[in-house]
Amino acid sequence: MKLFLNKPLGKLRHKTSRRSFGAAGSQLVLAGLSHLGLDLMTGVSSLPLLFPFNNTLFKLPFGLLPSAGRIQLDNFFLYRNLLIEQGVLIPIAVSLFIGCQPVRSKPALLAIVTSLIVSSCFMTWAFSLSR
């Protein structure tokens, strides 16, 4: 059986180091855990975080993110909640991206602080919503 570039299937291999394999594995685990964390931060529904081992449900008494609500195009609250979620998560992502750069200057630190302030303002708005 031949693949692209006329190489036999048995000889087509991708060499990876243990370090890159470990990094990819940790990214995979963190991606799965981030979904659970974001669902927990809504403070609306209980989640079985220890599912295979225990059926105890966990729920935060407060919410730092709004719930999705009814997903319909004419729902005002859907768009408001999307705006709040983006206002919380995008500045955090920007500050993480800037913070991971090797060179940190005063404008970069100012951008990190500003984005975290913006994110905390949106978190305060989400926290004040009725649950």
Protein backbone atom coordinates (compact mmCIF):
# COMPACT_ATOMS: atom_id res chain seq x y z
CA MET A 1 0.00 0.00 0.00
CA LYS A 2 1.39 3.37 -1.00
CA LEU A 3 0.76 6.76 0.54
CA PHE A 4 1.74 10.26 -0.50
CA LEU A 5 5.22 10.72 -1.93
CA ASN A 6 5.37 6.99 -2.85
CA LYS A 7 6.66 5.90 0.57
CA PRO A 8 5.67 2.46 1.86
CA LEU A 9 3.27 2.54 4.81
CA GLY A 10 5.67 0.71 7.12
CA LYS A 11 8.44 3.29 6.68
CA LEU A 12 6.25 6.36 7.29
CA ARG A 13 6.99 7.28 10.91
CA HIS A 14 7.10 10.44 12.91
CA LYS A 15 9.95 10.67 15.37
CA THR A 16 9.03 12.36 18.64
CA SER A 17 10.95 12.77 21.82
CA ARG A 18 9.65 11.87 25.25
CA ARG A 19 9.60 15.55 26.11
CA SER A 20 7.29 16.51 23.24
CA PHE A 21 5.10 13.47 23.92
CA GLY A 22 4.81 14.49 27.58
CA ALA A 23 3.94 18.06 26.62
CA ALA A 24 1.24 16.87 24.22
CA GLY A 25 -0.16 14.53 26.87
CA SER A 26 -0.31 17.25 29.49
CA GLN A 27 -2.07 19.56 27.01
CA LEU A 28 -4.63 16.85 26.35
CA VAL A 29 -5.31 16.32 30.06
CA LEU A 30 -5.51 20.06 30.77
CA ALA A 31 -7.93 20.58 27.88
CA GLY A 32 -10.29 18.02 29.37
CA LEU A 33 -9.98 19.41 32.88
CA SER A 34 -10.51 22.98 31.68
CA HIS A 35 -13.98 22.08 30.43
CA LEU A 36 -14.92 20.73 33.85
CA GLY A 37 -13.43 23.79 35.53
CA LEU A 38 -15.35 26.19 33.30
CA ASP A 39 -18.60 24.29 33.91
CA LEU A 40 -17.93 24.45 37.65
CA MET A 41 -17.30 28.20 37.48
CA THR A 42 -20.85 28.86 36.25
CA GLY A 43 -22.19 27.89 39.69
CA VAL A 44 -25.47 26.66 38.21
CA SER A 45 -25.35 22.87 37.97
CA SER A 46 -23.73 20.22 40.11
CA LEU A 47 -20.98 18.09 38.59
CA PRO A 48 -19.68 14.62 39.52
CA LEU A 49 -15.99 15.58 39.45
CA LEU A 50 -14.78 12.26 40.90
CA PHE A 51 -17.10 10.21 38.69
CA PRO A 52 -15.45 6.83 38.22
CA PHE A 53 -14.53 6.63 41.89
CA ASN A 54 -17.31 8.54 43.65
CA ASN A 55 -20.71 9.94 42.65
CA THR A 56 -20.54 12.98 44.93
CA LEU A 57 -21.79 16.14 43.20
CA PHE A 58 -19.88 19.40 43.50
CA LYS A 59 -21.26 22.90 42.96
CA LEU A 60 -19.81 26.31 43.72
CA PRO A 61 -22.14 28.58 45.74
CA PHE A 62 -21.23 31.46 43.43
CA GLY A 63 -20.62 31.86 39.72
CA LEU A 64 -17.77 33.63 37.98
CA LEU A 65 -19.16 32.85 34.53
CA PRO A 66 -22.77 33.10 33.35
CA SER A 67 -24.66 30.03 32.20
CA ALA A 68 -25.54 29.61 28.54
CA GLY A 69 -29.27 29.87 29.14
CA ARG A 70 -31.69 29.05 26.34
CA ILE A 71 -29.76 28.74 23.08
CA GLN A 72 -31.94 30.56 20.56
CA LEU A 73 -30.98 33.36 18.19
CA ASP A 74 -33.63 35.75 19.55
CA ASN A 75 -32.55 35.31 23.19
CA PHE A 76 -31.03 38.56 24.51
CA PHE A 77 -29.46 36.80 27.52
CA LEU A 78 -27.50 34.44 25.29
CA TYR A 79 -25.65 37.37 23.70
CA ARG A 80 -25.16 39.12 27.04
CA ASN A 81 -23.74 35.95 28.58
CA LEU A 82 -21.45 35.39 25.59
CA LEU A 83 -20.15 38.95 25.98
CA ILE A 84 -19.47 38.36 29.68
CA GLU A 85 -17.72 35.03 29.03
CA GLN A 86 -15.51 36.61 26.36
CA GLY A 87 -14.80 39.53 28.67
CA VAL A 88 -13.60 37.11 31.34
CA LEU A 89 -11.70 34.57 29.25
CA ILE A 90 -10.07 36.58 26.43
CA PRO A 91 -8.14 38.96 28.72
CA ILE A 92 -6.91 36.00 30.77
CA ALA A 93 -5.73 34.27 27.58
CA VAL A 94 -4.01 37.46 26.40
CA SER A 95 -2.23 37.92 29.73
CA LEU A 96 -1.07 34.27 29.68
CA PHE A 97 0.22 34.68 26.13
CA ILE A 98 2.13 37.87 26.97
CA GLY A 99 3.40 36.38 30.22
CA CYS A 100 4.86 33.35 28.43
CA GLN A 101 7.00 35.50 26.13
CA PRO A 102 10.72 35.44 26.98
CA VAL A 103 11.14 39.23 27.00
CA ARG A 104 9.01 41.19 29.46
CA SER A 105 9.00 44.95 29.20
CA LYS A 106 7.06 47.60 31.12
CA PRO A 107 4.39 47.88 28.37
CA ALA A 108 3.97 44.10 28.42
CA LEU A 109 3.51 44.10 32.20
CA LEU A 110 1.07 46.99 31.89
CA ALA A 111 -0.89 45.02 29.27
CA ILE A 112 -1.04 42.01 31.62
CA VAL A 113 -2.28 44.10 34.54
CA THR A 114 -4.83 45.90 32.36
CA SER A 115 -6.19 42.68 30.90
CA LEU A 116 -6.54 41.12 34.36
CA ILE A 117 -8.40 44.22 35.59
CA VAL A 118 -10.77 43.99 32.60
CA SER A 119 -11.32 40.31 33.30
CA SER A 120 -12.04 40.94 36.97
CA CYS A 121 -14.61 43.62 36.03
CA PHE A 122 -16.44 41.11 33.83
CA MET A 123 -16.19 38.50 36.63
CA THR A 124 -17.80 40.98 39.01
CA TRP A 125 -20.62 41.51 36.50
CA ALA A 126 -21.10 37.73 36.17
CA PHE A 127 -20.97 37.31 39.96
CA SER A 128 -23.80 39.84 40.39
CA LEU A 129 -26.17 37.95 38.04
CA SER A 130 -29.07 36.05 39.55
CA ARG A 131 -28.63 32.28 39.54
